[in-house]
C-alpha atoms as a PDB file:
ATOM      1  CA  UNK A   1     124.947  42.088-180.615  1.00  0.00           C
ATOM      2  CA  UNK A   2     128.108  40.737-182.290  1.00  0.00           C
ATOM      3  CA  UNK A   3     128.580  44.175-183.963  1.00  0.00           C
ATOM      4  CA  UNK A   4     128.603  45.913-180.601  1.00  0.00           C
ATOM      5  CA  UNK A   5     130.705  43.305-178.827  1.00  0.00           C
ATOM      6  CA  UNK A   6     133.300  42.474-181.452  1.00  0.00           C
ATOM      7  CA  UNK A   7     133.629  45.383-183.842  1.00  0.00           C
ATOM      8  CA  UNK A   8     135.195  47.706-181.173  1.00  0.00           C
ATOM      9  CA  UNK A   9     138.024  45.165-180.945  1.00  0.00           C
ATOM     10  CA  UNK A  10     139.147  45.939-184.499  1.00  0.00           C
ATOM     11  CA  UNK A  11     141.587  48.560-183.247  1.00  0.00           C
ATOM     12  CA  UNK A  12     143.509  45.755-181.488  1.00  0.00           C
ATOM     13  CA  UNK A  13     142.704  42.753-183.777  1.00  0.00           C
ATOM     14  CA  UNK A  14     142.147  43.754-187.385  1.00  0.00           C
ATOM     15  CA  UNK A  15     140.212  40.604-188.107  1.00  0.00           C
ATOM     16  CA  UNK A  16     137.224  42.044-186.267  1.00  0.00           C
ATOM     17  CA  UNK A  17     137.001  44.827-188.851  1.00  0.00           C
ATOM     18  CA  UNK A  18     134.782  42.515-190.941  1.00  0.00           C
ATOM     19  CA  UNK A  19     131.879  43.210-188.511  1.00  0.00           C
ATOM     20  CA  UNK A  20     131.550  46.722-189.876  1.00  0.00           C
ATOM     21  CA  UNK A  21     130.441  45.389-193.270  1.00  0.00           C
ATOM     22  CA  UNK A  22     126.725  44.898-193.787  1.00  0.00           C
ATOM     23  CA  UNK A  23     127.363  42.231-196.441  1.00  0.00           C
ATOM     24  CA  UNK A  24     129.346  40.118-194.017  1.00  0.00           C
ATOM     25  CA  UNK A  25     126.744  40.371-191.282  1.00  0.00           C
ATOM     26  CA  UNK A  26     123.917  39.695-193.747  1.00  0.00           C
ATOM     27  CA  UNK A  27     125.522  36.424-194.880  1.00  0.00           C
ATOM     28  CA  UNK A  28     125.961  35.194-191.359  1.00  0.00           C
ATOM     29  CA  UNK A  29     122.480  36.327-190.274  1.00  0.00           C
ATOM     30  CA  UNK A  30     121.137  34.187-193.109  1.00  0.00           C
ATOM     31  CA  UNK A  31     123.278  31.226-192.102  1.00  0.00           C
ATOM     32  CA  UNK A  32     122.385  31.644-188.415  1.00  0.00           C
ATOM     33  CA  UNK A  33     118.652  31.770-189.079  1.00  0.00           C
ATOM     34  CA  UNK A  34     118.935  28.772-191.451  1.00  0.00           C
ATOM     35  CA  UNK A  35     120.897  26.771-188.868  1.00  0.00           C
ATOM     36  CA  UNK A  36     118.377  27.553-186.108  1.00  0.00           C
ATOM     37  CA  UNK A  37     115.468  26.356-188.183  1.00  0.00           C
ATOM     38  CA  UNK A  38     117.201  23.177-189.359  1.00  0.00           C
ATOM     39  CA  UNK A  39     118.500  22.242-185.873  1.00  0.00           C
ATOM     40  CA  UNK A  40     115.301  23.076-183.939  1.00  0.00           C
ATOM     41  CA  UNK A  41     112.899  21.932-186.624  1.00  0.00           C
ATOM     42  CA  UNK A  42     112.653  18.245-185.601  1.00  0.00           C
ATOM     43  CA  UNK A  43     112.143  19.180-181.945  1.00  0.00           C
ATOM     44  CA  UNK A  44     109.425  21.730-182.839  1.00  0.00           C
ATOM     45  CA  UNK A  45     107.633  19.140-185.030  1.00  0.00           C
ATOM     46  CA  UNK A  46     107.702  16.532-182.290  1.00  0.00           C
ATOM     47  CA  UNK A  47     106.490  19.063-179.713  1.00  0.00           C
ATOM     48  CA  UNK A  48     103.617  20.282-181.879  1.00  0.00           C
ATOM     49  CA  UNK A  49     102.645  16.694-182.644  1.00  0.00           C
ATOM     50  CA  UNK A  50     102.633  15.745-178.965  1.00  0.00           C
ATOM     51  CA  UNK A  51     100.385  18.727-178.263  1.00  0.00           C
ATOM     52  CA  UNK A  52      98.109  17.598-181.100  1.00  0.00           C
ATOM     53  CA  UNK A  53      98.357  20.937-182.855  1.00  0.00           C
ATOM     54  CA  UNK A  54      97.458  19.695-186.297  1.00  0.00           C
ATOM     55  CA  UNK A  55      96.255  21.276-189.504  1.00  0.00           C
ATOM     56  CA  UNK A  56      92.503  21.575-190.109  1.00  0.00           C
ATOM     57  CA  UNK A  57      91.583  20.789-193.755  1.00  0.00           C
ATOM     58  CA  UNK A  58      88.436  22.090-195.386  1.00  0.00           C
ATOM     59  CA  UNK A  59      86.222  19.322-196.657  1.00  0.00           C
ATOM     60  CA  UNK A  60      85.118  21.392-199.639  1.00  0.00           C
ATOM     61  CA  UNK A  61      88.670  21.696-200.971  1.00  0.00           C
ATOM     62  CA  UNK A  62      90.737  19.333-203.154  1.00  0.00           C
ATOM     63  CA  UNK A  63      90.356  15.787-201.857  1.00  0.00           C
ATOM     64  CA  UNK A  64      94.101  15.315-202.009  1.00  0.00           C
ATOM     65  CA  UNK A  65      94.416  17.699-199.094  1.00  0.00           C
ATOM     66  CA  UNK A  66      92.522  15.464-196.700  1.00  0.00           C
ATOM     67  CA  UNK A  67      95.734  13.528-196.079  1.00  0.00           C
ATOM     68  CA  UNK A  68      97.298  16.712-194.699  1.00  0.00           C
ATOM     69  CA  UNK A  69      94.913  16.744-191.737  1.00  0.00           C
ATOM     70  CA  UNK A  70      96.804  16.525-188.486  1.00  0.00           C
ATOM     71  CA  UNK A  71     100.128  17.798-189.884  1.00  0.00           C
ATOM     72  CA  UNK A  72     101.720  20.049-187.216  1.00  0.00           C
ATOM     73  CA  UNK A  73     101.005  23.704-187.754  1.00  0.00           C
ATOM     74  CA  UNK A  74     102.025  26.958-185.963  1.00  0.00           C
ATOM     75  CA  UNK A  75     105.485  26.400-187.358  1.00  0.00           C
ATOM     76  CA  UNK A  76     105.652  30.152-187.821  1.00  0.00           C
ATOM     77  CA  UNK A  77     106.934  30.255-184.230  1.00  0.00           C
ATOM     78  CA  UNK A  78     110.123  28.565-185.459  1.00  0.00           C
ATOM     79  CA  UNK A  79     110.483  31.092-188.276  1.00  0.00           C
ATOM     80  CA  UNK A  80     109.929  34.011-185.903  1.00  0.00           C
ATOM     81  CA  UNK A  81     112.455  32.710-183.346  1.00  0.00           C
ATOM     82  CA  UNK A  82     115.104  32.186-186.038  1.00  0.00           C
ATOM     83  CA  UNK A  83     114.531  35.597-187.627  1.00  0.00           C
ATOM     84  CA  UNK A  84     114.500  37.549-184.407  1.00  0.00           C
ATOM     85  CA  UNK A  85     117.515  35.744-182.933  1.00  0.00           C
ATOM     86  CA  UNK A  86     119.625  36.123-186.100  1.00  0.00           C
ATOM     87  CA  UNK A  87     118.720  39.803-186.435  1.00  0.00           C
ATOM     88  CA  UNK A  88     119.582  40.566-182.813  1.00  0.00           C
ATOM     89  CA  UNK A  89     122.903  38.712-183.073  1.00  0.00           C
ATOM     90  CA  UNK A  90     124.158  40.275-186.326  1.00  0.00           C
ATOM     91  CA  UNK A  91     122.526  43.688-186.789  1.00  0.00           C
ATOM     92  CA  UNK A  92     123.453  47.117-185.485  1.00  0.00           C
ATOM     93  CA  UNK A  93     120.989  47.422-182.643  1.00  0.00           C
ATOM     94  CA  UNK A  94     121.437  51.166-182.473  1.00  0.00           C
ATOM     95  CA  UNK A  95     119.588  51.440-185.785  1.00  0.00           C
ATOM     96  CA  UNK A  96     115.878  52.364-185.272  1.00  0.00           C
ATOM     97  CA  UNK A  97     114.743  50.715-188.501  1.00  0.00           C
ATOM     98  CA  UNK A  98     115.814  47.314-187.181  1.00  0.00           C
ATOM     99  CA  UNK A  99     113.535  47.692-184.183  1.00  0.00           C
ATOM    100  CA  UNK A 100     110.677  48.906-186.333  1.00  0.00           C
ATOM    101  CA  UNK A 101     110.977  45.875-188.570  1.00  0.00           C
ATOM    102  CA  UNK A 102     111.163  43.554-185.563  1.00  0.00           C
ATOM    103  CA  UNK A 103     108.137  45.246-183.976  1.00  0.00           C
ATOM    104  CA  UNK A 104     106.105  44.736-187.087  1.00  0.00           C
ATOM    105  CA  UNK A 105     107.155  41.102-187.478  1.00  0.00           C
ATOM    106  CA  UNK A 106     106.658  40.054-183.886  1.00  0.00           C
ATOM    107  CA  UNK A 107     103.451  42.069-183.498  1.00  0.00           C
ATOM    108  CA  UNK A 108     101.742  40.512-186.528  1.00  0.00           C
ATOM    109  CA  UNK A 109     103.166  37.143-185.483  1.00  0.00           C
ATOM    110  CA  UNK A 110     101.434  37.484-182.105  1.00  0.00           C
ATOM    111  CA  UNK A 111      98.152  38.256-183.857  1.00  0.00           C
ATOM    112  CA  UNK A 112      98.601  35.125-185.964  1.00  0.00           C
ATOM    113  CA  UNK A 113      99.652  33.103-182.905  1.00  0.00           C
ATOM    114  CA  UNK A 114      96.449  34.166-181.061  1.00  0.00           C
ATOM    115  CA  UNK A 115      94.409  33.047-184.069  1.00  0.00           C
ATOM    116  CA  UNK A 116      96.205  29.719-184.391  1.00  0.00           C
ATOM    117  CA  UNK A 117      96.017  29.116-180.615  1.00  0.00           C
ATOM    118  CA  UNK A 118      92.250  29.596-180.487  1.00  0.00           C
ATOM    119  CA  UNK A 119      91.775  27.265-183.494  1.00  0.00           C
ATOM    120  CA  UNK A 120      94.395  24.616-182.890  1.00  0.00           C
ATOM    121  CA  UNK A 121      94.715  24.490-179.093  1.00  0.00           C
ATOM    122  CA  UNK A 122      91.282  25.607-177.925  1.00  0.00           C
ATOM    123  CA  UNK A 123      89.752  23.755-180.895  1.00  0.00           C
ATOM    124  CA  UNK A 124      87.441  26.632-181.831  1.00  0.00           C
ATOM    125  CA  UNK A 125      86.007  26.399-185.352  1.00  0.00           C
ATOM    126  CA  UNK A 126      87.065  30.045-185.789  1.00  0.00           C
ATOM    127  CA  UNK A 127      89.960  31.748-184.159  1.00  0.00           C
ATOM    128  CA  UNK A 128      89.848  35.524-183.887  1.00  0.00           C
ATOM    129  CA  UNK A 129      86.860  37.095-185.587  1.00  0.00           C
ATOM    130  CA  UNK A 130      87.575  38.498-189.030  1.00  0.00           C
ATOM    131  CA  UNK A 131      86.801  42.026-187.874  1.00  0.00           C
ATOM    132  CA  UNK A 132      88.813  41.647-184.654  1.00  0.00           C
ATOM    133  CA  UNK A 133      91.863  40.265-186.395  1.00  0.00           C
ATOM    134  CA  UNK A 134      91.669  42.905-189.127  1.00  0.00           C
ATOM    135  CA  UNK A 135      91.299  45.699-186.533  1.00  0.00           C
ATOM    136  CA  UNK A 136      94.388  44.487-184.664  1.00  0.00           C
ATOM    137  CA  UNK A 137      96.337  44.377-187.937  1.00  0.00           C
ATOM    138  CA  UNK A 138      95.302  47.922-188.890  1.00  0.00           C
ATOM    139  CA  UNK A 139      96.194  49.319-185.488  1.00  0.00           C
ATOM    140  CA  UNK A 140      99.609  47.743-185.447  1.00  0.00           C
ATOM    141  CA  UNK A 141     100.278  48.720-189.061  1.00  0.00           C
ATOM    142  CA  UNK A 142      99.409  52.356-188.302  1.00  0.00           C
ATOM    143  CA  UNK A 143     101.795  52.298-185.319  1.00  0.00           C
ATOM    144  CA  UNK A 144     104.582  50.923-187.446  1.00  0.00           C
ATOM    145  CA  UNK A 145     103.861  53.442-190.262  1.00  0.00           C
ATOM    146  CA  UNK A 146     103.885  56.261-187.778  1.00  0.00           C
ATOM    147  CA  UNK A 147     107.275  55.174-186.393  1.00  0.00           C
ATOM    148  CA  UNK A 148     108.665  55.177-189.908  1.00  0.00           C
ATOM    149  CA  UNK A 149     107.062  58.508-190.679  1.00  0.00           C
ATOM    150  CA  UNK A 150     108.673  60.257-187.681  1.00  0.00           C
ATOM    151  CA  UNK A 151     112.115  58.847-188.381  1.00  0.00           C
ATOM    152  CA  UNK A 152     114.647  61.663-188.992  1.00  0.00           C
ATOM    153  CA  UNK A 153     114.798  62.871-192.571  1.00  0.00           C
ATOM    154  CA  UNK A 154     112.430  60.173-193.779  1.00  0.00           C
ATOM    155  CA  UNK A 155     110.794  61.164-197.077  1.00  0.00           C
ATOM    156  CA  UNK A 156     107.062  60.940-197.546  1.00  0.00           C
ATOM    157  CA  UNK A 157     107.419  60.839-201.329  1.00  0.00           C
ATOM    158  CA  UNK A 158     106.407  57.656-203.101  1.00  0.00           C
ATOM    159  CA  UNK A 159     108.607  56.234-205.773  1.00  0.00           C
ATOM    160  CA  UNK A 160     106.799  55.164-208.925  1.00  0.00           C
ATOM    161  CA  UNK A 161     108.662  52.462-210.945  1.00  0.00           C
ATOM    162  CA  UNK A 162     109.692  53.461-214.485  1.00  0.00           C
ATOM    163  CA  UNK A 163     109.072  57.167-213.743  1.00  0.00           C
ATOM    164  CA  UNK A 164     112.055  58.871-212.116  1.00  0.00           C
ATOM    165  CA  UNK A 165     110.418  62.314-212.052  1.00  0.00           C
ATOM    166  CA  UNK A 166     107.088  61.109-210.718  1.00  0.00           C
ATOM    167  CA  UNK A 167     107.408  61.109-206.880  1.00  0.00           C
ATOM    168  CA  UNK A 168     104.203  62.406-205.255  1.00  0.00           C
ATOM    169  CA  UNK A 169     104.487  63.684-201.704  1.00  0.00           C
ATOM    170  CA  UNK A 170     101.736  62.247-199.528  1.00  0.00           C
ATOM    171  CA  UNK A 171     102.584  64.200-196.377  1.00  0.00           C
ATOM    172  CA  UNK A 172     100.638  62.835-193.365  1.00  0.00           C
ATOM    173  CA  UNK A 173      98.747  60.671-195.778  1.00  0.00           C
ATOM    174  CA  UNK A 174     101.837  58.561-196.090  1.00  0.00           C
ATOM    175  CA  UNK A 175     101.049  56.995-192.703  1.00  0.00           C
ATOM    176  CA  UNK A 176      97.754  55.615-194.086  1.00  0.00           C
ATOM    177  CA  UNK A 177      99.480  54.558-197.309  1.00  0.00           C
ATOM    178  CA  UNK A 178     102.209  52.696-195.423  1.00  0.00           C
ATOM    179  CA  UNK A 179      99.724  51.001-193.102  1.00  0.00           C
ATOM    180  CA  UNK A 180      97.794  49.844-196.208  1.00  0.00           C
ATOM    181  CA  UNK A 181     100.984  48.358-197.729  1.00  0.00           C
ATOM    182  CA  UNK A 182     101.802  46.462-194.546  1.00  0.00           C
ATOM    183  CA  UNK A 183      98.336  45.124-193.861  1.00  0.00           C
ATOM    184  CA  UNK A 184      97.642  44.175-197.469  1.00  0.00           C
ATOM    185  CA  UNK A 185     100.946  42.327-197.830  1.00  0.00           C
ATOM    186  CA  UNK A 186     100.383  40.496-194.563  1.00  0.00           C
ATOM    187  CA  UNK A 187      96.978  39.236-195.675  1.00  0.00           C
ATOM    188  CA  UNK A 188      98.185  38.424-199.203  1.00  0.00           C
ATOM    189  CA  UNK A 189     100.891  36.111-197.971  1.00  0.00           C
ATOM    190  CA  UNK A 190      98.367  34.522-195.614  1.00  0.00           C
ATOM    191  CA  UNK A 191      96.050  33.739-198.557  1.00  0.00           C
ATOM    192  CA  UNK A 192      98.940  32.268-200.513  1.00  0.00           C
ATOM    193  CA  UNK A 193      99.805  29.823-197.755  1.00  0.00           C
ATOM    194  CA  UNK A 194      97.780  26.863-198.928  1.00  0.00           C
ATOM    195  CA  UNK A 195     100.168  24.306-200.387  1.00  0.00           C
ATOM    196  CA  UNK A 196     103.426  22.724-199.176  1.00  0.00           C
ATOM    197  CA  UNK A 197     106.150  25.379-199.605  1.00  0.00           C
ATOM    198  CA  UNK A 198     103.955  27.604-201.806  1.00  0.00           C
ATOM    199  CA  UNK A 199     104.152  30.719-199.632  1.00  0.00           C
ATOM    200  CA  UNK A 200     107.626  30.314-198.143  1.00  0.00           C
ATOM    201  CA  UNK A 201     109.311  29.894-201.544  1.00  0.00           C
ATOM    202  CA  UNK A 202     108.208  33.278-202.949  1.00  0.00           C
ATOM    203  CA  UNK A 203     108.906  34.837-199.526  1.00  0.00           C
ATOM    204  CA  UNK A 204     112.554  33.770-199.808  1.00  0.00           C
ATOM    205  CA  UNK A 205     112.729  35.186-203.284  1.00  0.00           C
ATOM    206  CA  UNK A 206     111.116  38.481-202.203  1.00  0.00           C
ATOM    207  CA  UNK A 207     113.374  38.671-199.155  1.00  0.00           C
ATOM    208  CA  UNK A 208     116.465  38.276-201.270  1.00  0.00           C
ATOM    209  CA  UNK A 209     115.227  40.909-203.725  1.00  0.00           C
ATOM    210  CA  UNK A 210     114.593  43.456-200.986  1.00  0.00           C
ATOM    211  CA  UNK A 211     117.943  42.592-199.474  1.00  0.00           C
ATOM    212  CA  UNK A 212     119.444  44.203-202.576  1.00  0.00           C
ATOM    213  CA  UNK A 213     117.070  47.145-202.460  1.00  0.00           C
ATOM    214  CA  UNK A 214     117.780  47.782-198.758  1.00  0.00           C
ATOM    215  CA  UNK A 215     121.551  47.802-199.373  1.00  0.00           C
ATOM    216  CA  UNK A 216     121.264  50.170-202.321  1.00  0.00           C
ATOM    217  CA  UNK A 217     118.830  52.542-200.520  1.00  0.00           C
ATOM    218  CA  UNK A 218     121.165  52.786-197.561  1.00  0.00           C
ATOM    219  CA  UNK A 219     124.266  53.524-199.686  1.00  0.00           C
ATOM    220  CA  UNK A 220     124.344  57.186-200.758  1.00  0.00           C
ATOM    221  CA  UNK A 221     126.514  56.642-203.856  1.00  0.00           C
ATOM    222  CA  UNK A 222     124.627  53.608-205.151  1.00  0.00           C
ATOM    223  CA  UNK A 223     121.274  55.353-204.518  1.00  0.00           C
ATOM    224  CA  UNK A 224     122.420  58.474-206.368  1.00  0.00           C
ATOM    225  CA  UNK A 225     123.761  56.447-209.264  1.00  0.00           C
ATOM    226  CA  UNK A 226     120.571  54.404-209.659  1.00  0.00           C
ATOM    227  CA  UNK A 227     118.421  57.515-208.972  1.00  0.00           C
ATOM    228  CA  UNK A 228     116.708  55.940-205.938  1.00  0.00           C
ATOM    229  CA  UNK A 229     115.644  57.651-202.721  1.00  0.00           C
ATOM    230  CA  UNK A 230     118.468  57.502-200.273  1.00  0.00           C
ATOM    231  CA  UNK A 231     117.278  56.434-196.804  1.00  0.00           C
ATOM    232  CA  UNK A 232     119.988  56.917-194.210  1.00  0.00           C
ATOM    233  CA  UNK A 233     120.289  53.835-192.009  1.00  0.00           C
ATOM    234  CA  UNK A 234     118.124  51.602-194.197  1.00  0.00           C
ATOM    235  CA  UNK A 235     121.158  49.598-195.241  1.00  0.00           C
ATOM    236  CA  UNK A 236     120.972  47.774-191.872  1.00  0.00           C
ATOM    237  CA  UNK A 237     117.630  46.310-193.025  1.00  0.00           C
ATOM    238  CA  UNK A 238     119.722  44.156-195.409  1.00  0.00           C
ATOM    239  CA  UNK A 239     120.708  42.088-192.383  1.00  0.00           C
ATOM    240  CA  UNK A 240     117.077  41.705-191.422  1.00  0.00           C
ATOM    241  CA  UNK A 241     116.186  40.568-194.929  1.00  0.00           C
ATOM    242  CA  UNK A 242     119.065  38.120-194.795  1.00  0.00           C
ATOM    243  CA  UNK A 243     117.685  36.642-191.558  1.00  0.00           C
ATOM    244  CA  UNK A 244     114.215  36.370-193.150  1.00  0.00           C
ATOM    245  CA  UNK A 245     115.536  34.597-196.206  1.00  0.00           C
ATOM    246  CA  UNK A 246     117.670  32.259-194.100  1.00  0.00           C
ATOM    247  CA  UNK A 247     114.815  31.417-191.770  1.00  0.00           C
ATOM    248  CA  UNK A 248     112.615  30.797-194.813  1.00  0.00           C
ATOM    249  CA  UNK A 249     115.174  28.369-196.326  1.00  0.00           C
ATOM    250  CA  UNK A 250     115.467  26.549-192.975  1.00  0.00           C
ATOM    251  CA  UNK A 251     111.693  26.241-192.697  1.00  0.00           C
ATOM    252  CA  UNK A 252     111.382  25.043-196.306  1.00  0.00           C
ATOM    253  CA  UNK A 253     113.617  22.138-195.364  1.00  0.00           C
ATOM    254  CA  UNK A 254     110.580  20.718-193.473  1.00  0.00           C
ATOM    255  CA  UNK A 255     107.769  22.509-195.339  1.00  0.00           C
ATOM    256  CA  UNK A 256     108.705  21.183-198.791  1.00  0.00           C
ATOM    257  CA  UNK A 257     106.308  18.615-200.373  1.00  0.00           C
ATOM    258  CA  UNK A 258     105.222  16.513-198.576  1.00  0.00           C
ATOM    259  CA  UNK A 259     105.233  18.976-195.694  1.00  0.00           C
ATOM    260  CA  UNK A 260     106.107  17.847-192.140  1.00  0.00           C
ATOM    261  CA  UNK A 261     104.976  21.203-190.691  1.00  0.00           C
ATOM    262  CA  UNK A 262     102.910  24.270-191.703  1.00  0.00           C
ATOM    263  CA  UNK A 263     103.624  27.822-190.705  1.00  0.00           C
ATOM    264  CA  UNK A 264     100.005  28.781-189.842  1.00  0.00           C
ATOM    265  CA  UNK A 265      98.905  32.388-189.446  1.00  0.00           C
ATOM    266  CA  UNK A 266     101.760  32.821-187.029  1.00  0.00           C
ATOM    267  CA  UNK A 267     104.193  32.633-189.892  1.00  0.00           C
ATOM    268  CA  UNK A 268     102.222  33.969-192.880  1.00  0.00           C
ATOM    269  CA  UNK A 269     100.967  37.168-191.192  1.00  0.00           C
ATOM    270  CA  UNK A 270     104.327  38.005-189.662  1.00  0.00           C
ATOM    271  CA  UNK A 271     106.306  37.344-192.845  1.00  0.00           C
ATOM    272  CA  UNK A 272     103.910  39.387-194.945  1.00  0.00           C
ATOM    273  CA  UNK A 273     104.063  42.282-192.481  1.00  0.00           C
ATOM    274  CA  UNK A 274     107.867  42.033-192.440  1.00  0.00           C
ATOM    275  CA  UNK A 275     108.011  42.243-196.207  1.00  0.00           C
ATOM    276  CA  UNK A 276     105.621  45.148-196.313  1.00  0.00           C
ATOM    277  CA  UNK A 277     107.553  46.991-193.601  1.00  0.00           C
ATOM    278  CA  UNK A 278     110.827  46.520-195.503  1.00  0.00           C
ATOM    279  CA  UNK A 279     109.194  47.882-198.668  1.00  0.00           C
ATOM    280  CA  UNK A 280     108.088  50.975-196.788  1.00  0.00           C
ATOM    281  CA  UNK A 281     111.489  51.588-195.121  1.00  0.00           C
ATOM    282  CA  UNK A 282     113.399  51.199-198.412  1.00  0.00           C
ATOM    283  CA  UNK A 283     110.965  53.430-200.313  1.00  0.00           C
ATOM    284  CA  UNK A 284     110.042  50.668-202.730  1.00  0.00           C
ATOM    285  CA  UNK A 285     106.393  50.417-201.743  1.00  0.00           C
ATOM    286  CA  UNK A 286     104.838  50.390-205.212  1.00  0.00           C
ATOM    287  CA  UNK A 287     107.483  48.010-206.534  1.00  0.00           C
ATOM    288  CA  UNK A 288     106.261  45.462-203.954  1.00  0.00           C
ATOM    289  CA  UNK A 289     103.310  44.825-206.304  1.00  0.00           C
ATOM    290  CA  UNK A 290     105.801  43.427-208.757  1.00  0.00           C
ATOM    291  CA  UNK A 291     108.236  41.761-206.361  1.00  0.00           C
ATOM    292  CA  UNK A 292     105.392  40.088-204.491  1.00  0.00           C
ATOM    293  CA  UNK A 293     103.275  39.805-207.597  1.00  0.00           C
ATOM    294  CA  UNK A 294     102.398  36.150-206.835  1.00  0.00           C
ATOM    295  CA  UNK A 295     100.871  37.195-203.472  1.00  0.00           C
ATOM    296  CA  UNK A 296      98.983  39.972-205.271  1.00  0.00           C
ATOM    297  CA  UNK A 297      97.592  37.511-207.826  1.00  0.00           C
ATOM    298  CA  UNK A 298      96.441  35.102-205.089  1.00  0.00           C
ATOM    299  CA  UNK A 299      94.791  37.888-203.158  1.00  0.00           C
ATOM    300  CA  UNK A 300      93.029  39.312-206.190  1.00  0.00           C
ATOM    301  CA  UNK A 301      91.783  35.846-207.155  1.00  0.00           C
ATOM    302  CA  UNK A 302      89.958  35.682-203.818  1.00  0.00           C
ATOM    303  CA  UNK A 303      88.577  39.273-204.110  1.00  0.00           C
ATOM    304  CA  UNK A 304      87.354  38.687-207.689  1.00  0.00           C
ATOM    305  CA  UNK A 305      85.859  35.311-206.796  1.00  0.00           C
ATOM    306  CA  UNK A 306      83.923  36.657-203.813  1.00  0.00           C
ATOM    307  CA  UNK A 307      82.806  39.746-205.684  1.00  0.00           C
ATOM    308  CA  UNK A 308      81.705  37.881-208.803  1.00  0.00           C
ATOM    309  CA  UNK A 309      79.907  35.270-206.686  1.00  0.00           C
ATOM    310  CA  UNK A 310      77.874  37.931-204.936  1.00  0.00           C
ATOM    311  CA  UNK A 311      77.109  39.920-208.079  1.00  0.00           C
ATOM    312  CA  UNK A 312      75.975  36.942-210.094  1.00  0.00           C
ATOM    313  CA  UNK A 313      74.326  35.109-207.220  1.00  0.00           C
ATOM    314  CA  UNK A 314      76.371  31.973-207.243  1.00  0.00           C
ATOM    315  CA  UNK A 315      78.492  31.982-210.369  1.00  0.00           C
ATOM    316  CA  UNK A 316      82.285  31.639-210.109  1.00  0.00           C
ATOM    317  CA  UNK A 317      85.343  32.800-212.056  1.00  0.00           C
ATOM    318  CA  UNK A 318      87.627  30.100-210.713  1.00  0.00           C
ATOM    319  CA  UNK A 319      86.838  26.544-209.688  1.00  0.00           C
ATOM    320  CA  UNK A 320      88.085  27.529-206.250  1.00  0.00           C
ATOM    321  CA  UNK A 321      89.984  30.456-204.740  1.00  0.00           C
ATOM    322  CA  UNK A 322      92.795  31.247-203.939  1.00  0.00           C
ATOM    323  CA  UNK A 323      94.124  30.599-207.427  1.00  0.00           C
ATOM    324  CA  UNK A 324      96.397  27.661-206.562  1.00  0.00           C
ATOM    325  CA  UNK A 325      93.284  25.568-205.691  1.00  0.00           C
ATOM    326  CA  UNK A 326      91.828  26.406-209.124  1.00  0.00           C
ATOM    327  CA  UNK A 327      94.743  24.687-210.826  1.00  0.00           C
ATOM    328  CA  UNK A 328      94.642  21.749-208.450  1.00  0.00           C
ATOM    329  CA  UNK A 329      91.006  21.154-209.342  1.00  0.00           C
ATOM    330  CA  UNK A 330      91.978  21.374-213.006  1.00  0.00           C
ATOM    331  CA  UNK A 331      94.159  18.339-212.467  1.00  0.00           C
ATOM    332  CA  UNK A 332      97.624  19.823-211.822  1.00  0.00           C
ATOM    333  CA  UNK A 333      99.627  17.829-209.273  1.00  0.00           C
ATOM    334  CA  UNK A 334     100.403  19.796-206.124  1.00  0.00           C
ATOM    335  CA  UNK A 335     104.213  19.794-206.739  1.00  0.00           C
ATOM    336  CA  UNK A 336     103.655  21.127-210.255  1.00  0.00           C
ATOM    337  CA  UNK A 337     101.507  24.045-208.996  1.00  0.00           C
ATOM    338  CA  UNK A 338     104.132  24.879-206.352  1.00  0.00           C
ATOM    339  CA  UNK A 339     107.167  24.845-208.668  1.00  0.00           C
ATOM    340  CA  UNK A 340     105.395  26.771-211.394  1.00  0.00           C
ATOM    341  CA  UNK A 341     104.330  29.436-208.957  1.00  0.00           C
ATOM    342  CA  UNK A 342     107.886  29.622-207.724  1.00  0.00           C
ATOM    343  CA  UNK A 343     109.007  30.163-211.288  1.00  0.00           C
ATOM    344  CA  UNK A 344     106.518  33.042-211.640  1.00  0.00           C
ATOM    345  CA  UNK A 345     107.888  34.549-208.409  1.00  0.00           C
ATOM    346  CA  UNK A 346     111.486  34.389-209.665  1.00  0.00           C
ATOM    347  CA  UNK A 347     110.466  35.921-212.996  1.00  0.00           C
ATOM    348  CA  UNK A 348     108.708  38.775-211.259  1.00  0.00           C
ATOM    349  CA  UNK A 349     111.690  39.370-208.960  1.00  0.00           C
ATOM    350  CA  UNK A 350     114.016  39.643-211.954  1.00  0.00           C
ATOM    351  CA  UNK A 351     111.639  42.051-213.644  1.00  0.00           C
ATOM    352  CA  UNK A 352     111.575  44.194-210.484  1.00  0.00           C
ATOM    353  CA  UNK A 353     115.366  44.425-210.471  1.00  0.00           C
ATOM    354  CA  UNK A 354     115.279  45.570-214.110  1.00  0.00           C
ATOM    355  CA  UNK A 355     113.311  48.672-213.070  1.00  0.00           C
ATOM    356  CA  UNK A 356     116.528  50.019-211.566  1.00  0.00           C
ATOM    357  CA  UNK A 357     117.658  50.766-215.118  1.00  0.00           C
ATOM    358  CA  UNK A 358     114.272  51.342-216.775  1.00  0.00           C
ATOM    359  CA  UNK A 359     113.630  54.789-215.402  1.00  0.00           C
END
């Protein structure tokens, strides 16, 4: 909005020329989203507490988690509001990729909100059915993938990290591939959201990493120099990533141990979908496995645990899945698990940036 309202004034007042720069608008999108979360956070916490929308804690999990029961959840609504508001204020709204990213984020957020609402407000033991929720996710992901696919001059080739000549063209199959990336990332972040600040920390790191990839992919000279796929218009997604990182930082202010609020499915599903959508738009889909490696590890720990349990009729690989619960049951204090997992996320992000030169 500010871009459209203030940048045209640069012909009269040169100071408004700064609104043309993506870097400037990204910084202030981040600060805006952060400020919204920090300022509205206490009110949201009080409101959710008054409505008795508290966290349900499994009785078969770590006993230390029982004290978390009743902590306000559905805090993802705060993240969504901050992200969307900051993006609308600071991005170029004529850019279709911005609207695609917002559609994915809000759409998956509504799916998570419906699930949280049924569980927390209606007090149902289960929110949406597993099949119903997954079907909604797949349908929305396919729509988002199709919108990206039909974007002018968008390439259906997939970039393989470390191999600059290996770029298979999936054609129409790219729609299914992109939908898989978005859905899988959404659910992986959802599985990671189990400790205070555990999911939002790596989300901030991944958002900042893709902020860089989006800027490079949307800059023809940088993309050519680094031998990346140039995606016209994708640079504006940098602003969206900035808003996501800023909202994450603001939410972490209240979600840090001991958490005053949890994001719920409203936040985890929407943030995961947003990250997956950004990876698709910037043509760094495969690299997401490394950037979001922590989410991948958490998701795989659940898949392996369930599969091994069924195959061996009751035996387990981990003491409990997702993986962060395994380390808790081994005796690690919750803050130690969280910080060490953040360290892993930072390491993986740095490794992903190194692939720009290892090609």
